Amino acid sequence: MVPFSFHVVGSDKELSCVRAFRAAVYRRRLGLALSDTLAEAERDRLGYVFLLRCNGQPVGTARVVPTSCARTELEQLDALPAWAARDPHCGEVGRIATCRSVGVTGATTSSILISACARWTLCHTQILRYVAYNRLVLLPVWRRLGAIDTGERLVIAGRGGTEYALITGDLRDVVARTAVVGDAVQDEMVTVA
């Protein structure tokens, strides 16, 4: 059994750990240097920052920020759809960072993380829908989770001209489409808080 644990980050020490992990993954896998700006810290504070560990080591993190809080990254990029800004049931999913690893059940770390995040968010918040941006190469993955490509494209300064897709979806679809992953990893999840 692989001892995974998943929870919402609650302390400054854990948040520092998440930020260091996030920065290392973005640097190593994407060649991006994330800036630890006041805006990023504010989004971490206003949202829900998740941490997935395996054998006590960080292997995944993500963040969900309610779009109604007026501090989302998409808003800063002037790309937040107007409907999402007014929707108290919508959240911006972002800062997903995972190690490439596989649990005993064959589920990838990213599948375990996304499934756990969706389940937790639905159980503990009023957020039902999400908006996000992602690299075009990841669109097939998000479509399998029920995401809709809005057709809008972003190019973010300082990211080498990479094009990103704006997507939206329903967390209930994510849970339904990852039910096998969620059920399969149930035995692997040591703690879910």
Protein backbone atom coordinates (compact mmCIF):
# COMPACT_ATOMS: atom_id res chain seq x y z
CA MET A 1 0.00 0.00 0.00
CA VAL A 2 1.26 3.51 -0.89
CA PRO A 3 0.55 5.86 2.00
CA PHE A 4 -0.93 8.98 0.39
CA SER A 5 -2.32 11.80 2.47
CA PHE A 6 -4.34 14.74 1.19
CA HIS A 7 -5.44 17.86 3.00
CA VAL A 8 -5.97 21.59 2.83
CA VAL A 9 -2.88 23.50 3.84
CA GLY A 10 -3.47 25.23 7.14
CA SER A 11 -0.16 26.54 8.44
CA ASP A 12 2.48 28.98 7.24
CA LYS A 13 5.05 26.19 7.42
CA GLU A 14 2.99 23.95 5.12
CA LEU A 15 2.32 26.86 2.76
CA SER A 16 6.06 27.52 2.52
CA CYS A 17 6.56 23.83 1.72
CA VAL A 18 3.85 24.00 -0.98
CA ARG A 19 5.32 27.14 -2.54
CA ALA A 20 8.82 25.61 -2.66
CA PHE A 21 7.45 22.37 -4.15
CA ARG A 22 5.31 24.27 -6.67
CA ALA A 23 8.26 26.42 -7.77
CA ALA A 24 10.55 23.39 -8.13
CA VAL A 25 8.02 21.48 -10.25
CA TYR A 26 7.30 24.46 -12.50
CA ARG A 27 11.03 25.07 -12.95
CA ARG A 28 11.92 21.41 -13.59
CA ARG A 29 8.95 20.36 -15.75
CA LEU A 30 8.03 23.59 -17.52
CA GLY A 31 11.16 25.69 -17.34
CA LEU A 32 9.16 28.45 -15.61
CA ALA A 33 10.30 30.55 -12.71
CA LEU A 34 7.26 31.34 -10.58
CA SER A 35 7.43 34.62 -8.78
CA ASP A 36 6.36 34.54 -5.16
CA THR A 37 4.52 37.85 -5.44
CA LEU A 38 2.12 39.46 -3.03
CA ALA A 39 -0.68 38.63 -5.48
CA GLU A 40 0.24 34.92 -5.35
CA ALA A 41 0.38 35.00 -1.56
CA GLU A 42 -3.00 36.74 -1.51
CA ARG A 43 -4.53 34.08 -3.79
CA ASP A 44 -3.11 31.34 -1.56
CA ARG A 45 -4.66 33.06 1.46
CA LEU A 46 -8.08 33.62 -0.17
CA GLY A 47 -8.31 30.17 -1.73
CA TYR A 48 -7.91 26.56 -0.76
CA VAL A 49 -4.40 25.21 -1.21
CA PHE A 50 -4.21 21.43 -1.34
CA LEU A 51 -1.25 19.19 -0.63
CA LEU A 52 -0.90 15.54 -1.60
CA ARG A 53 1.91 13.62 0.08
CA CYS A 54 3.28 10.13 -0.45
CA ASN A 55 5.36 8.63 2.33
CA GLY A 56 5.40 12.08 3.92
CA GLN A 57 6.89 13.80 0.86
CA PRO A 58 4.99 16.35 -1.26
CA VAL A 59 3.95 14.86 -4.62
CA GLY A 60 1.16 17.22 -5.67
CA THR A 61 -0.49 20.54 -4.99
CA ALA A 62 -3.31 22.62 -6.44
CA ARG A 63 -5.27 25.72 -5.52
CA VAL A 64 -8.93 26.68 -5.86
CA VAL A 65 -9.83 30.36 -5.45
CA PRO A 66 -13.48 31.48 -5.43
CA THR A 67 -13.94 33.66 -8.52
CA SER A 68 -16.19 36.01 -6.58
CA CYS A 69 -13.26 37.13 -4.39
CA ALA A 70 -11.96 39.47 -7.14
CA ARG A 71 -8.35 38.35 -6.76
CA THR A 72 -8.02 35.46 -9.20
CA GLU A 73 -5.12 35.09 -11.58
CA LEU A 74 -7.51 35.04 -14.54
CA GLU A 75 -8.90 38.37 -13.40
CA GLN A 76 -5.36 39.76 -13.16
CA LEU A 77 -4.76 38.51 -16.72
CA ASP A 78 -8.05 40.15 -17.81
CA ALA A 79 -9.31 36.73 -18.93
CA LEU A 80 -11.92 35.85 -16.29
CA PRO A 81 -15.29 35.41 -18.02
CA ALA A 82 -17.87 37.90 -16.76
CA TRP A 83 -20.29 35.11 -15.78
CA ALA A 84 -17.61 33.52 -13.56
CA ALA A 85 -16.83 36.76 -11.74
CA ARG A 86 -20.44 36.97 -10.58
CA ASP A 87 -20.91 33.26 -9.85
CA PRO A 88 -20.68 32.39 -6.12
CA HIS A 89 -20.46 28.71 -7.13
CA CYS A 90 -17.39 29.05 -9.35
CA GLY A 91 -13.71 28.69 -8.51
CA GLU A 92 -10.48 29.21 -10.37
CA VAL A 93 -8.41 26.02 -10.41
CA GLY A 94 -4.71 26.70 -10.71
CA ARG A 95 -1.16 26.14 -9.63
CA ILE A 96 -1.43 22.40 -10.18
CA ALA A 97 1.99 20.82 -9.73
CA THR A 98 2.69 17.10 -9.46
CA CYS A 99 5.57 14.68 -9.51
CA ARG A 100 5.33 11.96 -12.10
CA SER A 101 4.53 8.93 -10.04
CA VAL A 102 2.01 6.15 -9.93
CA GLY A 103 0.23 4.61 -6.98
CA VAL A 104 -0.21 0.90 -6.37
CA THR A 105 -3.57 1.02 -8.16
CA GLY A 106 -2.00 2.48 -11.30
CA ALA A 107 -3.57 5.91 -10.80
CA THR A 108 -1.23 8.79 -11.59
CA THR A 109 -0.43 11.41 -8.99
CA SER A 110 -2.26 14.05 -11.01
CA SER A 111 -5.39 11.84 -11.20
CA ILE A 112 -5.31 11.25 -7.45
CA LEU A 113 -4.79 14.98 -6.79
CA ILE A 114 -7.52 16.22 -9.14
CA SER A 115 -10.02 13.65 -7.88
CA ALA A 116 -9.31 14.49 -4.23
CA CYS A 117 -9.47 18.25 -4.87
CA ALA A 118 -12.83 17.99 -6.64
CA ARG A 119 -14.30 15.76 -3.95
CA TRP A 120 -13.07 17.97 -1.10
CA THR A 121 -14.21 21.19 -2.77
CA LEU A 122 -17.71 19.84 -3.39
CA CYS A 123 -18.03 18.60 0.19
CA HIS A 124 -16.63 21.64 2.00
CA THR A 125 -17.45 24.70 -0.12
CA GLN A 126 -20.26 26.08 -2.26
CA ILE A 127 -18.07 25.84 -5.38
CA LEU A 128 -19.57 23.61 -8.08
CA ARG A 129 -17.99 24.93 -11.29
CA TYR A 130 -14.48 25.92 -12.27
CA VAL A 131 -12.51 28.00 -14.74
CA ALA A 132 -8.85 27.48 -15.45
CA TYR A 133 -6.19 27.96 -18.06
CA ASN A 134 -3.84 25.24 -19.18
CA ARG A 135 -1.27 24.45 -21.84
CA LEU A 136 -2.83 23.29 -25.10
CA VAL A 137 -1.11 19.91 -24.82
CA LEU A 138 -3.21 19.22 -21.69
CA LEU A 139 -6.58 19.88 -23.34
CA PRO A 140 -7.26 16.16 -23.99
CA VAL A 141 -6.70 15.39 -20.30
CA TRP A 142 -9.10 18.11 -19.18
CA ARG A 143 -11.68 17.11 -21.81
CA ARG A 144 -11.68 13.59 -20.35
CA LEU A 145 -12.61 15.24 -17.04
CA GLY A 146 -15.54 17.00 -18.70
CA ALA A 147 -13.91 20.38 -19.28
CA ILE A 148 -15.10 22.61 -22.09
CA ASP A 149 -12.57 24.54 -24.13
CA THR A 150 -14.00 28.06 -24.43
CA GLY A 151 -11.91 28.69 -27.53
CA GLU A 152 -10.17 31.63 -25.87
CA ARG A 153 -6.37 31.60 -25.89
CA LEU A 154 -3.94 33.37 -23.57
CA VAL A 155 -0.29 34.19 -23.99
CA ILE A 156 1.18 35.13 -20.63
CA ALA A 157 4.14 37.49 -20.41
CA GLY A 158 7.35 35.81 -19.27
CA ARG A 159 6.29 32.34 -20.36
CA GLY A 160 8.09 32.09 -23.66
CA GLY A 161 5.10 32.74 -25.90
CA THR A 162 3.34 29.53 -24.84
CA GLU A 163 -0.34 29.54 -25.68
CA TYR A 164 -2.86 28.55 -23.01
CA ALA A 165 -6.50 27.52 -23.38
CA LEU A 166 -9.25 28.89 -21.16
CA ILE A 167 -11.43 26.02 -19.95
CA THR A 168 -14.48 25.64 -17.76
CA GLY A 169 -16.27 22.71 -16.25
CA ASP A 170 -18.27 21.23 -13.42
CA LEU A 171 -16.59 19.62 -10.41
CA ARG A 172 -19.39 17.05 -10.25
CA ASP A 173 -18.30 15.86 -13.72
CA VAL A 174 -14.72 15.59 -12.48
CA VAL A 175 -15.85 13.44 -9.54
CA ALA A 176 -18.03 11.26 -11.78
CA ARG A 177 -15.26 10.81 -14.35
CA THR A 178 -12.63 10.05 -11.72
CA ALA A 179 -14.84 7.76 -9.65
CA VAL A 180 -12.71 4.77 -10.57
CA VAL A 181 -9.59 6.66 -9.52
CA GLY A 182 -11.25 7.93 -6.36
CA ASP A 183 -12.50 4.46 -5.46
CA ALA A 184 -9.22 2.81 -6.42
CA VAL A 185 -7.10 5.15 -4.33
CA GLN A 186 -9.40 4.95 -1.33
CA ASP A 187 -7.26 2.18 0.11
CA GLU A 188 -4.10 4.17 -0.63
CA MET A 189 -5.32 7.33 1.07
CA VAL A 190 -4.14 7.20 4.65
CA THR A 191 -5.69 10.50 5.66
CA VAL A 192 -8.08 12.85 3.97
CA ALA A 193 -8.80 15.91 6.06
